[in-house]
Protein backbone atom coordinates (compact mmCIF):
# COMPACT_ATOMS: atom_id res chain seq x y z
CA MET A 1 62.24 -36.39 -8.15
CA GLU A 2 64.95 -34.20 -9.45
CA GLY A 3 66.42 -32.36 -6.48
CA ASN A 4 63.82 -33.41 -3.72
CA THR A 5 65.18 -35.15 -0.76
CA ASP A 6 61.96 -35.54 0.75
CA SER A 7 59.04 -36.33 -2.14
CA ARG A 8 56.75 -38.10 0.50
CA TRP A 9 52.87 -37.35 -0.14
CA ARG A 10 51.65 -36.12 3.41
CA THR A 11 47.93 -36.58 3.99
CA HIS A 12 45.48 -34.65 5.81
CA MET A 13 41.75 -34.81 6.14
CA LEU A 14 39.39 -31.61 5.74
CA LYS A 15 35.95 -31.39 7.65
CA PRO A 16 33.57 -28.87 7.17
CA ARG A 17 34.31 -25.62 9.23
CA ILE A 18 30.61 -25.36 10.68
CA PRO A 19 29.58 -28.57 12.52
CA TRP A 20 25.80 -27.95 11.75
CA SER A 21 25.98 -27.16 8.26
CA SER A 22 24.31 -29.09 5.41
CA GLY A 23 27.12 -31.93 6.05
CA THR A 24 28.68 -31.53 2.54
CA ILE A 25 32.16 -30.20 2.42
CA ARG A 26 32.14 -26.95 -0.16
CA PRO A 27 34.64 -26.13 -2.50
CA ALA A 28 35.39 -22.82 -0.54
CA GLU A 29 36.26 -24.82 2.44
CA VAL A 30 38.67 -27.04 0.69
CA GLY A 31 40.41 -23.87 -0.77
CA ARG A 32 40.85 -22.55 3.08
CA GLY A 33 41.96 -26.20 4.00
CA LEU A 34 44.65 -26.33 1.04
CA CYS A 35 46.05 -22.95 2.45
CA GLY A 36 45.99 -24.45 5.96
CA VAL A 37 47.78 -27.44 4.62
CA MET A 38 50.39 -25.35 2.49
CA MET A 39 51.39 -23.42 5.49
CA ASP A 40 51.65 -26.52 8.18
CA ARG A 41 55.34 -26.40 9.14
CA GLN A 42 55.28 -29.92 8.91
CA ASN A 43 55.14 -29.90 5.51
CA HIS A 44 57.78 -27.60 4.91
CA LEU A 45 61.29 -28.37 3.56
CA GLU A 46 64.41 -25.87 3.87
CA ASP A 47 66.48 -24.70 0.82
CA ALA A 48 70.27 -23.73 1.18
CA ASN A 49 69.37 -19.98 1.98
CA TYR A 50 67.20 -21.32 5.02
CA GLN A 51 64.13 -20.04 3.18
CA ARG A 52 60.95 -22.41 3.89
CA VAL A 53 59.99 -24.37 0.75
CA VAL A 54 55.92 -24.85 0.96
CA PRO A 55 54.03 -28.06 -0.99
CA ASN A 56 53.38 -26.89 -4.59
CA ARG A 57 51.58 -30.31 -5.51
CA PHE A 58 48.42 -31.25 -4.19
CA ILE A 59 45.66 -33.79 -5.04
CA VAL A 60 42.22 -33.36 -3.50
CA GLU A 61 39.77 -36.36 -3.10
CA LEU A 62 36.27 -36.45 -2.26
CA SER A 63 33.33 -38.70 -2.30
CA GLU A 64 32.07 -39.71 -5.55
CA ASP A 65 28.78 -37.91 -5.22
CA ASN A 66 30.15 -34.76 -3.58
CA PHE A 67 32.66 -34.68 -6.52
CA ASN A 68 30.17 -35.23 -9.26
CA ARG A 69 27.70 -32.84 -7.71
CA ASN A 70 29.69 -30.02 -6.44
CA TYR A 71 33.26 -30.08 -8.18
CA ARG A 72 32.87 -31.38 -11.58
CA PRO A 73 30.86 -28.97 -13.02
CA LEU A 74 33.14 -26.01 -11.96
CA GLY A 75 36.14 -28.06 -13.73
CA LYS A 76 39.53 -25.95 -14.57
CA ARG A 77 37.85 -22.81 -13.00
CA LEU A 78 37.91 -24.11 -9.77
CA LEU A 79 41.42 -25.40 -9.85
CA GLU A 80 42.40 -21.78 -10.83
CA GLN A 81 40.66 -20.30 -7.95
CA TRP A 82 42.23 -22.54 -5.52
CA ARG A 83 45.73 -21.81 -7.38
CA ALA A 84 45.24 -18.22 -7.14
CA GLN A 85 44.10 -18.58 -3.36
CA LEU A 86 47.35 -20.42 -2.28
CA VAL A 87 49.72 -17.71 -4.17
CA GLU A 88 47.85 -14.94 -2.36
CA GLU A 89 48.02 -16.83 1.07
CA LEU A 90 52.02 -17.25 0.56
CA GLU A 91 52.55 -13.65 -0.28
CA THR A 92 50.06 -12.81 2.69
CA ALA A 93 52.39 -14.88 4.80
CA ASN A 94 55.47 -13.12 3.31
CA SER A 95 54.00 -9.71 3.81
CA ARG A 96 53.50 -10.35 7.59
CA GLN A 97 57.18 -11.77 7.98
CA GLY A 98 58.63 -8.58 6.27
CA LYS A 99 60.73 -10.80 4.35
CA ARG A 100 60.32 -13.60 1.66
CA GLU A 101 60.55 -16.44 4.13
CA TYR A 102 58.31 -19.07 2.41
CA LEU A 103 58.36 -19.98 -1.42
CA PHE A 104 57.06 -22.69 -3.38
CA GLY A 105 59.45 -25.26 -4.84
CA GLY A 106 58.04 -25.34 -8.31
CA PRO A 107 54.75 -24.54 -10.15
CA VAL A 108 51.57 -25.24 -8.26
CA GLN A 109 49.75 -28.11 -9.51
CA ILE A 110 46.51 -29.15 -8.25
CA GLU A 111 44.21 -32.36 -9.34
CA ILE A 112 41.01 -33.41 -8.06
CA ARG A 113 39.42 -36.67 -8.10
CA PRO A 114 36.70 -38.91 -6.62
CA ALA A 115 38.05 -41.96 -4.27
CA PRO A 116 36.14 -44.56 -2.57
CA GLY A 117 35.67 -44.54 1.25
CA LEU A 118 35.21 -40.93 1.76
CA LYS A 119 31.86 -39.36 3.02
CA ASP A 120 30.40 -36.21 1.68
CA ASN A 121 31.50 -34.14 4.64
CA GLN A 122 35.06 -35.26 4.26
CA ALA A 123 37.93 -34.28 1.71
CA ARG A 124 41.44 -35.97 1.72
CA VAL A 125 44.07 -33.68 0.69
CA LEU A 126 47.63 -35.04 -0.33
CA ALA A 127 50.22 -32.55 -0.50
CA GLN A 128 54.11 -32.91 -1.54
CA VAL A 129 56.92 -30.59 -2.47
CA HIS A 130 58.41 -30.91 -5.71
CA ALA A 131 61.43 -28.64 -5.77
CA GLU A 132 63.58 -27.71 -8.57
CA ARG A 133 66.55 -27.39 -6.39
CA PRO A 134 68.06 -29.62 -3.52
CA VAL A 135 65.73 -28.72 -0.13
CA GLN A 136 66.11 -30.34 3.15
CA PRO A 137 63.35 -32.22 4.96
CA PRO A 138 62.09 -30.76 8.32
CA GLN A 139 63.86 -31.52 11.46
CA SER A 140 60.91 -33.07 13.31
CA LYS A 141 59.29 -36.20 11.86
CA PRO A 142 55.39 -35.37 11.43
CA ALA A 143 52.91 -37.81 13.30
CA ALA A 144 51.95 -40.78 11.14
CA GLY A 145 48.30 -40.83 9.97
CA PRO A 146 45.85 -38.38 8.78
CA VAL A 147 45.32 -35.09 10.73
CA VAL A 148 42.54 -32.73 10.93
CA VAL A 149 43.43 -29.51 9.60
CA SER A 150 42.30 -26.83 11.96
CA ARG A 151 44.54 -23.71 11.41
CA GLN A 152 42.31 -20.97 10.45
CA PRO A 153 42.97 -17.04 11.42
CA ALA A 154 40.98 -15.32 13.92
CA PRO A 155 37.25 -14.60 12.82
CA VAL A 156 36.70 -10.67 12.89
CA ALA A 157 32.73 -10.93 12.65
CA PHE A 158 29.85 -13.13 12.31
CA LEU A 159 26.58 -13.29 10.27
CA THR A 160 23.38 -14.77 12.11
CA MET A 161 20.69 -15.98 10.07
CA ARG A 162 17.52 -14.30 11.20
CA SER A 163 15.40 -17.21 10.65
CA THR A 164 17.14 -20.09 12.24
CA ASN A 165 20.21 -18.57 14.19
CA GLN A 166 22.95 -20.44 12.22
CA ARG A 167 25.99 -18.42 12.28
CA TRP A 168 28.95 -18.09 9.90
CA LYS A 169 32.35 -16.66 10.92
CA LEU A 170 33.81 -13.92 8.71
CA TYR A 171 37.58 -14.02 8.36
CA PRO A 172 40.06 -11.36 7.07
CA GLY A 173 39.36 -11.30 3.07
CA GLU A 174 36.45 -11.69 0.78
CA THR A 175 33.29 -13.74 2.24
CA THR A 176 31.07 -14.73 -0.78
CA ILE A 177 27.26 -15.40 -0.32
CA GLY A 178 24.84 -16.86 -2.46
CA ARG A 179 23.03 -20.30 -3.96
CA ASP A 180 26.14 -21.37 -5.87
CA ALA A 181 28.14 -24.13 -4.19
CA SER A 182 31.45 -22.17 -4.80
CA CYS A 183 30.37 -19.28 -2.30
CA ASP A 184 31.77 -19.33 1.01
CA ILE A 185 28.24 -19.12 2.59
CA THR A 186 26.12 -21.38 0.61
CA LEU A 187 22.13 -20.57 0.88
CA ASP A 188 20.99 -24.13 0.10
CA ASP A 189 17.57 -23.69 1.83
CA PRO A 190 14.79 -25.34 -0.13
CA LEU A 191 12.74 -22.27 -0.23
CA ILE A 192 15.70 -20.18 -1.18
CA ARG A 193 16.59 -22.29 -4.02
CA GLU A 194 12.89 -22.91 -5.03
CA ARG A 195 12.21 -19.18 -5.22
CA ARG A 196 15.70 -18.03 -6.81
CA LEU A 197 15.27 -14.71 -5.35
CA VAL A 198 18.91 -14.79 -4.15
CA SER A 199 21.35 -14.73 -6.80
CA GLY A 200 24.09 -17.45 -7.47
CA LYS A 201 26.67 -15.04 -6.25
CA HIS A 202 24.54 -12.64 -4.47
CA ALA A 203 26.73 -10.44 -2.54
CA PHE A 204 30.24 -10.42 -0.56
CA ILE A 205 31.75 -8.97 2.65
CA ARG A 206 35.10 -7.72 2.53
CA CYS A 207 36.90 -7.71 6.17
CA ASP A 208 40.26 -5.57 6.41
CA GLY A 209 41.00 -5.66 10.03
CA ARG A 210 38.17 -5.37 12.20
CA ARG A 211 36.47 -3.15 9.26
CA CYS A 212 33.94 -5.08 7.10
CA VAL A 213 32.15 -3.68 4.06
CA ILE A 214 29.44 -5.54 2.03
CA TYR A 215 28.84 -5.21 -1.98
CA ASP A 216 26.28 -6.36 -3.74
CA GLY A 217 27.04 -8.76 -6.65
CA SER A 218 29.82 -10.93 -7.20
CA PRO A 219 33.36 -9.82 -6.63
CA ALA A 220 33.87 -9.99 -10.50
CA GLY A 221 31.36 -7.09 -10.54
CA LYS A 222 28.09 -8.84 -11.78
CA PRO A 223 25.26 -7.32 -9.77
CA SER A 224 22.63 -9.53 -7.87
CA LEU A 225 19.14 -9.84 -9.45
CA ASN A 226 16.96 -8.59 -6.77
CA GLY A 227 19.65 -6.22 -4.55
CA THR A 228 21.06 -6.24 -1.41
CA PHE A 229 19.86 -4.07 1.60
CA VAL A 230 21.56 -3.14 4.97
CA ASN A 231 18.73 -1.93 7.38
CA TYR A 232 16.04 -1.77 4.76
CA GLN A 233 18.26 0.47 2.54
CA ARG A 234 19.94 -0.64 -0.90
CA VAL A 235 23.72 -1.38 -0.85
CA PRO A 236 25.61 1.45 -2.83
CA PRO A 237 27.86 0.52 -5.70
CA GLN A 238 30.90 1.36 -3.35
CA GLY A 239 29.76 -0.79 -0.66
CA LYS A 240 28.64 -0.04 2.99
CA VAL A 241 30.20 -0.68 5.96
CA LEU A 242 28.85 -2.68 8.72
CA GLU A 243 27.99 -2.08 12.16
CA ASP A 244 27.18 -4.21 15.03
CA GLY A 245 23.44 -5.39 14.87
CA ASP A 246 22.86 -4.38 11.11
CA LEU A 247 20.32 -6.28 9.36
CA LEU A 248 21.23 -7.54 6.16
CA ILE A 249 18.87 -8.59 3.57
CA LEU A 250 19.35 -10.58 0.30
CA ALA A 251 17.08 -10.13 -2.32
CA THR A 252 13.54 -8.45 -2.22
CA VAL A 253 10.36 -8.45 -4.58
CA ASP A 254 9.69 -4.75 -3.84
CA PRO A 255 12.96 -2.78 -4.01
CA LEU A 256 11.25 0.10 -2.01
CA GLN A 257 9.94 -2.10 0.81
CA PRO A 258 12.42 -5.12 1.53
CA GLN A 259 10.91 -7.96 3.89
CA PRO A 260 13.26 -9.98 5.64
CA ASP A 261 10.65 -12.73 6.37
CA ALA A 262 9.60 -12.83 2.73
CA PRO A 263 9.68 -16.46 1.25
CA GLY A 264 12.81 -17.15 -0.49
CA VAL A 265 14.91 -14.06 0.81
CA ALA A 266 18.03 -14.56 3.20
CA ALA A 267 18.35 -12.24 6.26
CA PHE A 268 21.21 -12.08 8.44
CA TYR A 269 22.46 -10.15 11.44
CA PHE A 270 26.12 -8.64 11.56
CA TRP A 271 28.11 -8.66 14.77
CA LYS A 272 31.80 -7.91 15.41
CA ALA A 273 33.88 -10.75 17.13
CA ARG A 274 34.32 -10.06 20.80
CA SER A 275 36.67 -12.45 21.82
CA GLU A 276 39.31 -14.84 20.07
CA SER A 277 37.17 -17.94 21.01
CA GLY A 278 34.85 -16.92 18.37
């Protein structure tokens, strides 16, 4: 490939971030995994100005069943979301450095496809730098064989489901919640899916530093069908700052009396992270 002195595809295996989840790796988890692969120093090259050139070509491989159920229906929209997520991650990394230390070698290209031998809770990511000008390979040779991507920023808070004590970590940025498989927190409980009180993209939480704000509806601005409540009060359009121990209720039959234990409703407790161990 023209101008590229290290055109090898580097392989990474992704697994669900939440070990006790439903066992199917979700699009949101793959998106975070792609960012981890991109920022893995073993995958970086160096240009003549000593800037780090990160992978710009990615192939995501999934089990055939998972691909057909959760990824094929999203089509090009999902690839655009991942591409935007990678660009944002790179910009954030440069902002933290205070300079343009990282750059793509060329246009970001992502392909997704089914592959044999993979389980529903696995995704294989192949990453490559396809540079438009000469770059040098990394000084240290990466270990052979697939690796598990474990790079994650420290969580700033947690959500604990009231009925099951299942816990999710909240990271800086946006976390979407709803029935859709594309949500960061996908509510796939059979009763929630059957009653359909909770919207596909019901709410999202935006964390900036240690301040987390919950909003009703999708980040695109579409409100939920049955409302979002904090401590039995409806979340206003400008959002609601969350505090330790707050009760979050997604959906209600009676807006005047939201019930966290009503069938088909999702209820959580919010807790700020106390240590880096999460």
